[in-house]
Amino acid sequence: MILACASFGWACILSILGLLLSPEHDIAGGVCMVTAQFLLLTASIIGIDYKLNNIGSSVESNE
């Protein structure tokens, strides 16, 4: 859980720094990709699948 919190914190910090440090105040593509990877890591540790409405497990049962 500590890794999930740290990953979410780094995603927030990187996106804010990307906005503040760029001359046009926009986020570069590379910063967006790294931020998205940190958020996916956070979600996977917590147990949220990247697809909507799938919490806990990525395997769906066909019952």
N, C-alpha and C. Protein backbone atom coordinates (compact mmCIF):
# COMPACT_ATOMS: atom_id res chain seq x y z
N MET A 1 0.82 -1.19 0.00
CA MET A 1 0.00 0.00 0.00
C MET A 1 0.87 1.26 0.00
N ILE A 2 2.06 1.16 0.60
CA ILE A 2 2.97 2.30 0.62
C ILE A 2 3.42 2.63 -0.80
N LEU A 3 3.67 1.58 -1.59
CA LEU A 3 4.08 1.79 -2.98
C LEU A 3 2.96 2.45 -3.79
N ALA A 4 1.72 2.09 -3.53
CA ALA A 4 0.59 2.70 -4.23
C ALA A 4 0.48 4.18 -3.88
N CYS A 5 0.64 4.51 -2.62
CA CYS A 5 0.58 5.91 -2.21
C CYS A 5 1.74 6.71 -2.79
N ALA A 6 2.93 6.12 -2.79
CA ALA A 6 4.09 6.80 -3.36
C ALA A 6 3.93 7.00 -4.86
N SER A 7 3.40 5.99 -5.54
CA SER A 7 3.20 6.09 -6.98
C SER A 7 2.18 7.17 -7.32
N PHE A 8 1.09 7.23 -6.55
CA PHE A 8 0.09 8.27 -6.78
C PHE A 8 0.66 9.65 -6.50
N GLY A 9 1.46 9.74 -5.45
CA GLY A 9 2.10 11.02 -5.13
C GLY A 9 3.04 11.48 -6.23
N TRP A 10 3.85 10.58 -6.77
CA TRP A 10 4.76 10.94 -7.85
C TRP A 10 3.99 11.33 -9.11
N ALA A 11 2.87 10.68 -9.38
CA ALA A 11 2.06 11.06 -10.53
C ALA A 11 1.55 12.48 -10.39
N CYS A 12 1.08 12.82 -9.20
CA CYS A 12 0.60 14.19 -8.95
C CYS A 12 1.74 15.21 -9.05
N ILE A 13 2.87 14.88 -8.44
CA ILE A 13 4.01 15.80 -8.46
C ILE A 13 4.52 16.02 -9.87
N LEU A 14 4.65 14.95 -10.65
CA LEU A 14 5.15 15.09 -12.02
C LEU A 14 4.22 15.91 -12.89
N SER A 15 2.91 15.70 -12.74
CA SER A 15 1.99 16.48 -13.58
C SER A 15 1.99 17.95 -13.19
N ILE A 16 2.08 18.25 -11.90
CA ILE A 16 2.14 19.65 -11.47
C ILE A 16 3.44 20.31 -11.92
N LEU A 17 4.56 19.59 -11.75
CA LEU A 17 5.84 20.14 -12.20
C LEU A 17 5.86 20.32 -13.71
N GLY A 18 5.24 19.40 -14.44
CA GLY A 18 5.17 19.54 -15.89
C GLY A 18 4.42 20.78 -16.31
N LEU A 19 3.37 21.12 -15.57
CA LEU A 19 2.61 22.33 -15.87
C LEU A 19 3.38 23.59 -15.48
N LEU A 20 4.02 23.56 -14.33
CA LEU A 20 4.67 24.77 -13.82
C LEU A 20 5.99 25.09 -14.54
N LEU A 21 6.73 24.08 -14.94
CA LEU A 21 8.06 24.30 -15.50
C LEU A 21 8.08 24.52 -17.01
N SER A 22 7.01 24.17 -17.69
CA SER A 22 7.01 24.37 -19.14
C SER A 22 6.68 25.82 -19.48
N PRO A 23 7.30 26.36 -20.53
CA PRO A 23 7.05 27.77 -20.89
C PRO A 23 5.60 28.03 -21.32
N GLU A 24 4.97 27.06 -21.96
CA GLU A 24 3.58 27.24 -22.42
C GLU A 24 2.56 26.78 -21.39
N HIS A 25 3.02 26.26 -20.24
CA HIS A 25 2.17 25.73 -19.19
C HIS A 25 1.25 24.62 -19.70
N ASP A 26 1.85 23.68 -20.44
CA ASP A 26 1.14 22.48 -20.83
C ASP A 26 2.03 21.28 -20.51
N ILE A 27 1.45 20.11 -20.47
CA ILE A 27 2.19 18.90 -20.12
C ILE A 27 2.68 18.24 -21.40
N ALA A 28 3.97 17.93 -21.44
CA ALA A 28 4.55 17.27 -22.61
C ALA A 28 4.06 15.82 -22.67
N GLY A 29 4.16 15.25 -23.85
CA GLY A 29 3.69 13.88 -24.07
C GLY A 29 4.40 12.86 -23.20
N GLY A 30 5.69 13.03 -23.03
CA GLY A 30 6.45 12.10 -22.21
C GLY A 30 6.05 12.14 -20.75
N VAL A 31 5.76 13.34 -20.26
CA VAL A 31 5.31 13.49 -18.88
C VAL A 31 3.94 12.85 -18.71
N CYS A 32 3.09 12.99 -19.70
CA CYS A 32 1.77 12.35 -19.64
C CYS A 32 1.89 10.83 -19.60
N MET A 33 2.81 10.28 -20.40
CA MET A 33 2.99 8.83 -20.42
C MET A 33 3.51 8.31 -19.08
N VAL A 34 4.48 9.00 -18.48
CA VAL A 34 5.01 8.56 -17.19
C VAL A 34 3.95 8.70 -16.11
N THR A 35 3.18 9.78 -16.14
CA THR A 35 2.10 9.97 -15.17
C THR A 35 1.06 8.87 -15.31
N ALA A 36 0.71 8.53 -16.54
CA ALA A 36 -0.26 7.45 -16.76
C ALA A 36 0.27 6.12 -16.26
N GLN A 37 1.55 5.84 -16.44
CA GLN A 37 2.13 4.60 -15.96
C GLN A 37 2.11 4.54 -14.43
N PHE A 38 2.40 5.66 -13.78
CA PHE A 38 2.32 5.69 -12.31
C PHE A 38 0.88 5.45 -11.84
N LEU A 39 -0.10 6.04 -12.53
CA LEU A 39 -1.49 5.86 -12.14
C LEU A 39 -1.96 4.43 -12.39
N LEU A 40 -1.49 3.80 -13.48
CA LEU A 40 -1.82 2.39 -13.72
C LEU A 40 -1.20 1.49 -12.66
N LEU A 41 0.02 1.80 -12.24
CA LEU A 41 0.66 1.03 -11.17
C LEU A 41 -0.14 1.16 -9.88
N THR A 42 -0.56 2.37 -9.57
CA THR A 42 -1.36 2.61 -8.37
C THR A 42 -2.66 1.81 -8.42
N ALA A 43 -3.34 1.87 -9.54
CA ALA A 43 -4.62 1.16 -9.68
C ALA A 43 -4.42 -0.36 -9.61
N SER A 44 -3.35 -0.87 -10.19
CA SER A 44 -3.15 -2.31 -10.16
C SER A 44 -2.79 -2.80 -8.76
N ILE A 45 -2.08 -2.00 -7.98
CA ILE A 45 -1.77 -2.39 -6.61
C ILE A 45 -3.03 -2.40 -5.76
N ILE A 46 -3.89 -1.41 -5.94
CA ILE A 46 -5.12 -1.33 -5.16
C ILE A 46 -6.11 -2.42 -5.60
N GLY A 47 -6.06 -2.83 -6.87
CA GLY A 47 -6.94 -3.88 -7.35
C GLY A 47 -7.99 -3.41 -8.32
N ILE A 48 -7.81 -2.24 -8.88
CA ILE A 48 -8.76 -1.71 -9.86
C ILE A 48 -8.24 -2.02 -11.25
N ASP A 49 -9.06 -2.65 -12.07
CA ASP A 49 -8.67 -2.95 -13.44
C ASP A 49 -8.75 -1.69 -14.28
N TYR A 50 -7.99 -1.64 -15.37
CA TYR A 50 -8.00 -0.45 -16.20
C TYR A 50 -9.28 -0.32 -17.01
N LYS A 51 -10.08 -1.38 -17.09
CA LYS A 51 -11.37 -1.31 -17.77
C LYS A 51 -12.41 -0.79 -16.78
N LEU A 52 -13.40 -0.11 -17.28
CA LEU A 52 -14.44 0.43 -16.40
C LEU A 52 -15.29 -0.69 -15.81
N ASN A 53 -15.74 -0.50 -14.61
CA ASN A 53 -16.65 -1.39 -13.89
C ASN A 53 -16.05 -2.75 -13.57
N ASN A 54 -14.73 -2.91 -13.57
CA ASN A 54 -14.09 -4.16 -13.18
C ASN A 54 -13.19 -3.88 -11.98
N ILE A 55 -13.72 -4.06 -10.80
CA ILE A 55 -12.94 -3.81 -9.59
C ILE A 55 -12.62 -5.14 -8.95
N GLY A 56 -11.35 -5.34 -8.63
CA GLY A 56 -10.93 -6.54 -7.92
C GLY A 56 -10.26 -7.58 -8.78
N SER A 57 -10.84 -7.94 -9.88
CA SER A 57 -10.28 -9.00 -10.71
C SER A 57 -10.46 -8.65 -12.18
N SER A 58 -9.46 -9.00 -12.98
CA SER A 58 -9.55 -8.73 -14.42
C SER A 58 -10.14 -9.91 -15.16
N VAL A 59 -10.42 -11.03 -14.47
CA VAL A 59 -10.99 -12.22 -15.10
C VAL A 59 -12.50 -12.19 -14.87
N GLU A 60 -13.24 -12.27 -15.94
CA GLU A 60 -14.69 -12.25 -15.83
C GLU A 60 -15.23 -13.68 -15.90
N SER A 61 -16.22 -13.97 -15.08
CA SER A 61 -16.83 -15.30 -15.13
C SER A 61 -17.99 -15.27 -16.12
N ASN A 62 -18.21 -16.38 -16.79
CA ASN A 62 -19.28 -16.49 -17.79
C ASN A 62 -20.43 -17.32 -17.24
N GLU A 63 -20.94 -16.94 -16.10
CA GLU A 63 -22.06 -17.69 -15.50
C GLU A 63 -23.36 -17.05 -15.82
